[in-house]
Amino acid sequence: MFMTKAKTVDVVYEDGVFKPRGPVGLAEGEKAIVTFEKARGVITLGDIEELKVAFKSLPKSKISIKKIDELYYDGKMRD
């Protein structure tokens, strides 16, 4: 077995399997060793992509950074 550089891949656990939330950089059929850690209070790359999509769907209007900050922390307090 050859050792290679570790890579972090965002995954979601659905229907009994881990599903990557983005490219994994492996060829079809290539083997890998997976170590997992629960993501708690961490914004993942998949989360960022979902936020980009959500922001693009918002109406085009001015909003203050302060308001965005309030909305973000209000949502975090409900978790």
PDB file of N, CA and C in Angstrom:
ATOM      1  N   MET A   1       0.853  -1.178   0.000  1.00  0.00           N
ATOM      2  CA  MET A   1       0.000   0.000   0.000  1.00  0.00           C
ATOM      3  C   MET A   1       0.896   1.237   0.000  1.00  0.00           C
ATOM      4  N   PHE A   2       0.595   2.177  -0.870  1.00  0.00           N
ATOM      5  CA  PHE A   2       1.352   3.414  -0.955  1.00  0.00           C
ATOM      6  C   PHE A   2       0.603   4.511  -0.210  1.00  0.00           C
ATOM      7  N   MET A   3       1.323   5.342   0.487  1.00  0.00           N
ATOM      8  CA  MET A   3       0.709   6.454   1.207  1.00  0.00           C
ATOM      9  C   MET A   3       0.682   7.673   0.290  1.00  0.00           C
ATOM     10  N   THR A   4      -0.422   8.381   0.293  1.00  0.00           N
ATOM     11  CA  THR A   4      -0.550   9.592  -0.499  1.00  0.00           C
ATOM     12  C   THR A   4      -1.042  10.715   0.391  1.00  0.00           C
ATOM     13  N   LYS A   5      -1.082  11.898  -0.157  1.00  0.00           N
ATOM     14  CA  LYS A   5      -1.539  13.069   0.582  1.00  0.00           C
ATOM     15  C   LYS A   5      -3.035  12.944   0.894  1.00  0.00           C
ATOM     16  N   ALA A   6      -3.408  13.287   2.114  1.00  0.00           N
ATOM     17  CA  ALA A   6      -4.812  13.236   2.527  1.00  0.00           C
ATOM     18  C   ALA A   6      -5.583  14.379   1.880  1.00  0.00           C
ATOM     19  N   LYS A   7      -6.870  14.163   1.664  1.00  0.00           N
ATOM     20  CA  LYS A   7      -7.746  15.165   1.073  1.00  0.00           C
ATOM     21  C   LYS A   7      -9.055  15.168   1.854  1.00  0.00           C
ATOM     22  N   THR A   8      -9.591  16.344   2.118  1.00  0.00           N
ATOM     23  CA  THR A   8     -10.868  16.457   2.805  1.00  0.00           C
ATOM     24  C   THR A   8     -11.971  16.634   1.770  1.00  0.00           C
ATOM     25  N   VAL A   9     -13.017  15.823   1.886  1.00  0.00           N
ATOM     26  CA  VAL A   9     -14.158  15.891   0.978  1.00  0.00           C
ATOM     27  C   VAL A   9     -15.426  16.004   1.813  1.00  0.00           C
ATOM     28  N   ASP A  10     -16.247  16.997   1.530  1.00  0.00           N
ATOM     29  CA  ASP A  10     -17.519  17.144   2.227  1.00  0.00           C
ATOM     30  C   ASP A  10     -18.467  16.046   1.765  1.00  0.00           C
ATOM     31  N   VAL A  11     -19.105  15.372   2.720  1.00  0.00           N
ATOM     32  CA  VAL A  11     -20.056  14.317   2.394  1.00  0.00           C
ATOM     33  C   VAL A  11     -21.328  14.501   3.198  1.00  0.00           C
ATOM     34  N   VAL A  12     -22.379  13.860   2.733  1.00  0.00           N
ATOM     35  CA  VAL A  12     -23.625  13.786   3.481  1.00  0.00           C
ATOM     36  C   VAL A  12     -23.978  12.305   3.575  1.00  0.00           C
ATOM     37  N   TYR A  13     -24.509  11.893   4.714  1.00  0.00           N
ATOM     38  CA  TYR A  13     -24.872  10.491   4.921  1.00  0.00           C
ATOM     39  C   TYR A  13     -26.358  10.345   4.634  1.00  0.00           C
ATOM     40  N   GLU A  14     -26.695   9.639   3.559  1.00  0.00           N
ATOM     41  CA  GLU A  14     -28.083   9.442   3.142  1.00  0.00           C
ATOM     42  C   GLU A  14     -28.293   7.996   2.738  1.00  0.00           C
ATOM     43  N   ASP A  15     -29.402   7.444   3.138  1.00  0.00           N
ATOM     44  CA  ASP A  15     -29.769   6.079   2.740  1.00  0.00           C
ATOM     45  C   ASP A  15     -28.666   5.068   3.016  1.00  0.00           C
ATOM     46  N   GLY A  16     -27.954   5.250   4.128  1.00  0.00           N
ATOM     47  CA  GLY A  16     -26.939   4.287   4.528  1.00  0.00           C
ATOM     48  C   GLY A  16     -25.595   4.410   3.824  1.00  0.00           C
ATOM     49  N   VAL A  17     -25.404   5.450   3.023  1.00  0.00           N
ATOM     50  CA  VAL A  17     -24.119   5.629   2.341  1.00  0.00           C
ATOM     51  C   VAL A  17     -23.655   7.083   2.442  1.00  0.00           C
ATOM     52  N   PHE A  18     -22.343   7.266   2.385  1.00  0.00           N
ATOM     53  CA  PHE A  18     -21.776   8.604   2.342  1.00  0.00           C
ATOM     54  C   PHE A  18     -21.755   9.073   0.896  1.00  0.00           C
ATOM     55  N   LYS A  19     -22.322  10.245   0.649  1.00  0.00           N
ATOM     56  CA  LYS A  19     -22.364  10.791  -0.709  1.00  0.00           C
ATOM     57  C   LYS A  19     -21.557  12.075  -0.742  1.00  0.00           C
ATOM     58  N   PRO A  20     -20.563  12.149  -1.631  1.00  0.00           N
ATOM     59  CA  PRO A  20     -19.761  13.369  -1.721  1.00  0.00           C
ATOM     60  C   PRO A  20     -20.605  14.556  -2.181  1.00  0.00           C
ATOM     61  N   ARG A  21     -20.289  15.734  -1.656  1.00  0.00           N
ATOM     62  CA  ARG A  21     -21.017  16.951  -2.023  1.00  0.00           C
ATOM     63  C   ARG A  21     -20.236  17.757  -3.053  1.00  0.00           C
ATOM     64  N   GLY A  22     -19.272  17.132  -3.673  1.00  0.00           N
ATOM     65  CA  GLY A  22     -18.466  17.788  -4.701  1.00  0.00           C
ATOM     66  C   GLY A  22     -17.503  16.784  -5.284  1.00  0.00           C
ATOM     67  N   PRO A  23     -16.625  17.245  -6.161  1.00  0.00           N
ATOM     68  CA  PRO A  23     -15.655  16.340  -6.795  1.00  0.00           C
ATOM     69  C   PRO A  23     -14.743  15.682  -5.761  1.00  0.00           C
ATOM     70  N   VAL A  24     -14.396  14.425  -5.997  1.00  0.00           N
ATOM     71  CA  VAL A  24     -13.522  13.705  -5.072  1.00  0.00           C
ATOM     72  C   VAL A  24     -12.128  13.459  -5.650  1.00  0.00           C
ATOM     73  N   GLY A  25     -11.956  13.672  -6.922  1.00  0.00           N
ATOM     74  CA  GLY A  25     -10.640  13.513  -7.538  1.00  0.00           C
ATOM     75  C   GLY A  25     -10.185  12.076  -7.673  1.00  0.00           C
ATOM     76  N   LEU A  26     -11.122  11.149  -7.837  1.00  0.00           N
ATOM     77  CA  LEU A  26     -10.781   9.740  -8.040  1.00  0.00           C
ATOM     78  C   LEU A  26     -11.345   9.264  -9.368  1.00  0.00           C
ATOM     79  N   ALA A  27     -10.640   8.327  -9.979  1.00  0.00           N
ATOM     80  CA  ALA A  27     -11.144   7.706 -11.198  1.00  0.00           C
ATOM     81  C   ALA A  27     -12.194   6.660 -10.814  1.00  0.00           C
ATOM     82  N   GLU A  28     -13.098   6.369 -11.713  1.00  0.00           N
ATOM     83  CA  GLU A  28     -14.125   5.361 -11.480  1.00  0.00           C
ATOM     84  C   GLU A  28     -13.453   4.037 -11.101  1.00  0.00           C
ATOM     85  N   GLY A  29     -13.878   3.439  -9.987  1.00  0.00           N
ATOM     86  CA  GLY A  29     -13.329   2.164  -9.536  1.00  0.00           C
ATOM     87  C   GLY A  29     -12.072   2.284  -8.694  1.00  0.00           C
ATOM     88  N   GLU A  30     -11.523   3.486  -8.578  1.00  0.00           N
ATOM     89  CA  GLU A  30     -10.314   3.684  -7.773  1.00  0.00           C
ATOM     90  C   GLU A  30     -10.666   3.553  -6.295  1.00  0.00           C
ATOM     91  N   LYS A  31      -9.776   2.940  -5.536  1.00  0.00           N
ATOM     92  CA  LYS A  31     -10.017   2.714  -4.116  1.00  0.00           C
ATOM     93  C   LYS A  31      -9.438   3.855  -3.283  1.00  0.00           C
ATOM     94  N   ALA A  32     -10.039   4.055  -2.111  1.00  0.00           N
ATOM     95  CA  ALA A  32      -9.562   5.073  -1.179  1.00  0.00           C
ATOM     96  C   ALA A  32      -9.865   4.616   0.233  1.00  0.00           C
ATOM     97  N   ILE A  33      -9.171   5.179   1.173  1.00  0.00           N
ATOM     98  CA  ILE A  33      -9.448   4.948   2.590  1.00  0.00           C
ATOM     99  C   ILE A  33     -10.141   6.195   3.099  1.00  0.00           C
ATOM    100  N   VAL A  34     -11.262   6.008   3.795  1.00  0.00           N
ATOM    101  CA  VAL A  34     -12.054   7.140   4.254  1.00  0.00           C
ATOM    102  C   VAL A  34     -12.032   7.183   5.784  1.00  0.00           C
ATOM    103  N   THR A  35     -11.713   8.338   6.319  1.00  0.00           N
ATOM    104  CA  THR A  35     -11.819   8.612   7.746  1.00  0.00           C
ATOM    105  C   THR A  35     -12.835   9.728   7.868  1.00  0.00           C
ATOM    106  N   PHE A  36     -13.813   9.593   8.766  1.00  0.00           N
ATOM    107  CA  PHE A  36     -14.811  10.646   8.832  1.00  0.00           C
ATOM    108  C   PHE A  36     -14.909  11.246  10.225  1.00  0.00           C
ATOM    109  N   GLU A  37     -15.372  12.480  10.242  1.00  0.00           N
ATOM    110  CA  GLU A  37     -15.562  13.235  11.466  1.00  0.00           C
ATOM    111  C   GLU A  37     -16.847  14.024  11.317  1.00  0.00           C
ATOM    112  N   LYS A  38     -17.691  14.032  12.342  1.00  0.00           N
ATOM    113  CA  LYS A  38     -18.925  14.801  12.267  1.00  0.00           C
ATOM    114  C   LYS A  38     -18.594  16.281  12.156  1.00  0.00           C
ATOM    115  N   ALA A  39     -19.299  16.949  11.257  1.00  0.00           N
ATOM    116  CA  ALA A  39     -19.113  18.395  11.090  1.00  0.00           C
ATOM    117  C   ALA A  39     -20.078  19.105  12.022  1.00  0.00           C
ATOM    118  N   ARG A  40     -19.561  19.761  13.009  1.00  0.00           N
ATOM    119  CA  ARG A  40     -20.383  20.495  13.980  1.00  0.00           C
ATOM    120  C   ARG A  40     -19.935  21.946  13.976  1.00  0.00           C
ATOM    121  N   GLY A  41     -20.836  22.839  13.610  1.00  0.00           N
ATOM    122  CA  GLY A  41     -20.503  24.256  13.623  1.00  0.00           C
ATOM    123  C   GLY A  41     -19.453  24.641  12.600  1.00  0.00           C
ATOM    124  N   VAL A  42     -19.322  23.815  11.569  1.00  0.00           N
ATOM    125  CA  VAL A  42     -18.327  24.070  10.534  1.00  0.00           C
ATOM    126  C   VAL A  42     -19.053  24.324   9.223  1.00  0.00           C
ATOM    127  N   ILE A  43     -18.637  25.348   8.510  1.00  0.00           N
ATOM    128  CA  ILE A  43     -19.204  25.603   7.192  1.00  0.00           C
ATOM    129  C   ILE A  43     -18.351  24.838   6.190  1.00  0.00           C
ATOM    130  N   THR A  44     -18.992  23.925   5.463  1.00  0.00           N
ATOM    131  CA  THR A  44     -18.277  23.097   4.496  1.00  0.00           C
ATOM    132  C   THR A  44     -18.337  23.722   3.109  1.00  0.00           C
ATOM    133  N   LEU A  45     -17.540  23.178   2.201  1.00  0.00           N
ATOM    134  CA  LEU A  45     -17.568  23.658   0.820  1.00  0.00           C
ATOM    135  C   LEU A  45     -18.948  23.468   0.204  1.00  0.00           C
ATOM    136  N   GLY A  46     -19.606  22.367   0.549  1.00  0.00           N
ATOM    137  CA  GLY A  46     -20.958  22.129   0.053  1.00  0.00           C
ATOM    138  C   GLY A  46     -21.926  23.187   0.550  1.00  0.00           C
ATOM    139  N   ASP A  47     -21.760  23.597   1.825  1.00  0.00           N
ATOM    140  CA  ASP A  47     -22.608  24.659   2.380  1.00  0.00           C
ATOM    141  C   ASP A  47     -22.413  25.957   1.608  1.00  0.00           C
ATOM    142  N   ILE A  48     -21.175  26.258   1.279  1.00  0.00           N
ATOM    143  CA  ILE A  48     -20.871  27.493   0.550  1.00  0.00           C
ATOM    144  C   ILE A  48     -21.537  27.473  -0.821  1.00  0.00           C
ATOM    145  N   GLU A  49     -21.478  26.326  -1.493  1.00  0.00           N
ATOM    146  CA  GLU A  49     -22.119  26.215  -2.806  1.00  0.00           C
ATOM    147  C   GLU A  49     -23.629  26.400  -2.691  1.00  0.00           C
ATOM    148  N   GLU A  50     -24.248  25.817  -1.660  1.00  0.00           N
ATOM    149  CA  GLU A  50     -25.682  25.984  -1.452  1.00  0.00           C
ATOM    150  C   GLU A  50     -26.026  27.445  -1.178  1.00  0.00           C
ATOM    151  N   LEU A  51     -25.178  28.128  -0.422  1.00  0.00           N
ATOM    152  CA  LEU A  51     -25.402  29.550  -0.143  1.00  0.00           C
ATOM    153  C   LEU A  51     -25.301  30.391  -1.412  1.00  0.00           C
ATOM    154  N   LYS A  52     -24.333  30.069  -2.270  1.00  0.00           N
ATOM    155  CA  LYS A  52     -24.194  30.799  -3.540  1.00  0.00           C
ATOM    156  C   LYS A  52     -25.472  30.688  -4.367  1.00  0.00           C
ATOM    157  N   VAL A  53     -26.016  29.474  -4.450  1.00  0.00           N
ATOM    158  CA  VAL A  53     -27.249  29.251  -5.204  1.00  0.00           C
ATOM    159  C   VAL A  53     -28.391  30.041  -4.573  1.00  0.00           C
ATOM    160  N   ALA A  54     -28.479  30.005  -3.242  1.00  0.00           N
ATOM    161  CA  ALA A  54     -29.545  30.724  -2.546  1.00  0.00           C
ATOM    162  C   ALA A  54     -29.437  32.229  -2.770  1.00  0.00           C
ATOM    163  N   PHE A  55     -28.224  32.771  -2.690  1.00  0.00           N
ATOM    164  CA  PHE A  55     -28.044  34.209  -2.884  1.00  0.00           C
ATOM    165  C   PHE A  55     -28.386  34.639  -4.308  1.00  0.00           C
ATOM    166  N   LYS A  56     -28.059  33.792  -5.285  1.00  0.00           N
ATOM    167  CA  LYS A  56     -28.380  34.128  -6.678  1.00  0.00           C
ATOM    168  C   LYS A  56     -29.880  34.206  -6.906  1.00  0.00           C
ATOM    169  N   SER A  57     -30.653  33.471  -6.105  1.00  0.00           N
ATOM    170  CA  SER A  57     -32.100  33.460  -6.286  1.00  0.00           C
ATOM    171  C   SER A  57     -32.792  34.637  -5.583  1.00  0.00           C
ATOM    172  N   LEU A  58     -32.040  35.374  -4.759  1.00  0.00           N
ATOM    173  CA  LEU A  58     -32.627  36.509  -4.061  1.00  0.00           C
ATOM    174  C   LEU A  58     -32.895  37.665  -5.016  1.00  0.00           C
ATOM    175  N   PRO A  59     -33.925  38.456  -4.738  1.00  0.00           N
ATOM    176  CA  PRO A  59     -34.165  39.633  -5.575  1.00  0.00           C
ATOM    177  C   PRO A  59     -32.988  40.604  -5.454  1.00  0.00           C
ATOM    178  N   LYS A  60     -32.728  41.317  -6.512  1.00  0.00           N
ATOM    179  CA  LYS A  60     -31.623  42.273  -6.532  1.00  0.00           C
ATOM    180  C   LYS A  60     -32.038  43.540  -5.802  1.00  0.00           C
ATOM    181  N   SER A  61     -31.523  43.707  -4.607  1.00  0.00           N
ATOM    182  CA  SER A  61     -31.788  44.913  -3.825  1.00  0.00           C
ATOM    183  C   SER A  61     -30.629  45.126  -2.867  1.00  0.00           C
ATOM    184  N   LYS A  62     -30.573  46.301  -2.297  1.00  0.00           N
ATOM    185  CA  LYS A  62     -29.495  46.610  -1.365  1.00  0.00           C
ATOM    186  C   LYS A  62     -29.852  46.075   0.012  1.00  0.00           C
ATOM    187  N   ILE A  63     -28.867  45.474   0.657  1.00  0.00           N
ATOM    188  CA  ILE A  63     -29.037  44.997   2.029  1.00  0.00           C
ATOM    189  C   ILE A  63     -27.723  45.253   2.751  1.00  0.00           C
ATOM    190  N   SER A  64     -27.810  45.642   3.966  1.00  0.00           N
ATOM    191  CA  SER A  64     -26.595  45.978   4.712  1.00  0.00           C
ATOM    192  C   SER A  64     -25.905  44.717   5.226  1.00  0.00           C
ATOM    193  N   ILE A  65     -24.605  44.826   5.361  1.00  0.00           N
ATOM    194  CA  ILE A  65     -23.815  43.730   5.930  1.00  0.00           C
ATOM    195  C   ILE A  65     -24.297  43.469   7.356  1.00  0.00           C
ATOM    196  N   LYS A  66     -24.665  44.523   8.067  1.00  0.00           N
ATOM    197  CA  LYS A  66     -25.167  44.370   9.427  1.00  0.00           C
ATOM    198  C   LYS A  66     -26.415  43.484   9.440  1.00  0.00           C
ATOM    199  N   LYS A  67     -27.319  43.685   8.478  1.00  0.00           N
ATOM    200  CA  LYS A  67     -28.547  42.890   8.404  1.00  0.00           C
ATOM    201  C   LYS A  67     -28.220  41.422   8.095  1.00  0.00           C
ATOM    202  N   ILE A  68     -27.300  41.183   7.191  1.00  0.00           N
ATOM    203  CA  ILE A  68     -26.885  39.811   6.869  1.00  0.00           C
ATOM    204  C   ILE A  68     -26.312  39.148   8.116  1.00  0.00           C
ATOM    205  N   ASP A  69     -25.471  39.878   8.838  1.00  0.00           N
ATOM    206  CA  ASP A  69     -24.866  39.370  10.056  1.00  0.00           C
ATOM    207  C   ASP A  69     -25.943  39.005  11.082  1.00  0.00           C
ATOM    208  N   GLU A  70     -26.947  39.877  11.249  1.00  0.00           N
ATOM    209  CA  GLU A  70     -28.037  39.607  12.182  1.00  0.00           C
ATOM    210  C   GLU A  70     -28.815  38.358  11.775  1.00  0.00           C
ATOM    211  N   LEU A  71     -29.108  38.225  10.483  1.00  0.00           N
ATOM    212  CA  LEU A  71     -29.841  37.062   9.993  1.00  0.00           C
ATOM    213  C   LEU A  71     -29.049  35.774  10.215  1.00  0.00           C
ATOM    214  N   TYR A  72     -27.745  35.837   9.963  1.00  0.00           N
ATOM    215  CA  TYR A  72     -26.889  34.667  10.133  1.00  0.00           C
ATOM    216  C   TYR A  72     -26.879  34.221  11.589  1.00  0.00           C
ATOM    217  N   TYR A  73     -26.599  35.136  12.490  1.00  0.00           N
ATOM    218  CA  TYR A  73     -26.495  34.763  13.900  1.00  0.00           C
ATOM    219  C   TYR A  73     -27.854  34.415  14.495  1.00  0.00           C
ATOM    220  N   ASP A  74     -28.934  35.012  14.000  1.00  0.00           N
ATOM    221  CA  ASP A  74     -30.265  34.636  14.449  1.00  0.00           C
ATOM    222  C   ASP A  74     -30.522  33.169  14.091  1.00  0.00           C
ATOM    223  N   GLY A  75     -30.172  32.777  12.885  1.00  0.00           N
ATOM    224  CA  GLY A  75     -30.337  31.384  12.464  1.00  0.00           C
ATOM    225  C   GLY A  75     -29.466  30.434  13.261  1.00  0.00           C
ATOM    226  N   LYS A  76     -28.248  30.842  13.574  1.00  0.00           N
ATOM    227  CA  LYS A  76     -27.327  30.002  14.339  1.00  0.00           C
ATOM    228  C   LYS A  76     -27.842  29.769  15.754  1.00  0.00           C
ATOM    229  N   MET A  77     -28.542  30.734  16.318  1.00  0.00           N
ATOM    230  CA  MET A  77     -29.035  30.605  17.679  1.00  0.00           C
ATOM    231  C   MET A  77     -30.167  29.581  17.754  1.00  0.00           C
ATOM    232  N   ARG A  78     -30.821  29.276  16.615  1.00  0.00           N
ATOM    233  CA  ARG A  78     -31.918  28.309  16.608  1.00  0.00           C
ATOM    234  C   ARG A  78     -31.435  26.885  16.482  1.00  0.00           C
ATOM    235  N   ASP A  79     -30.161  26.656  16.131  1.00  0.00           N
ATOM    236  CA  ASP A  79     -29.641  25.292  15.939  1.00  0.00           C
ATOM    237  C   ASP A  79     -29.569  24.542  17.229  1.00  0.00           C
TER     238      ASP A  79
END
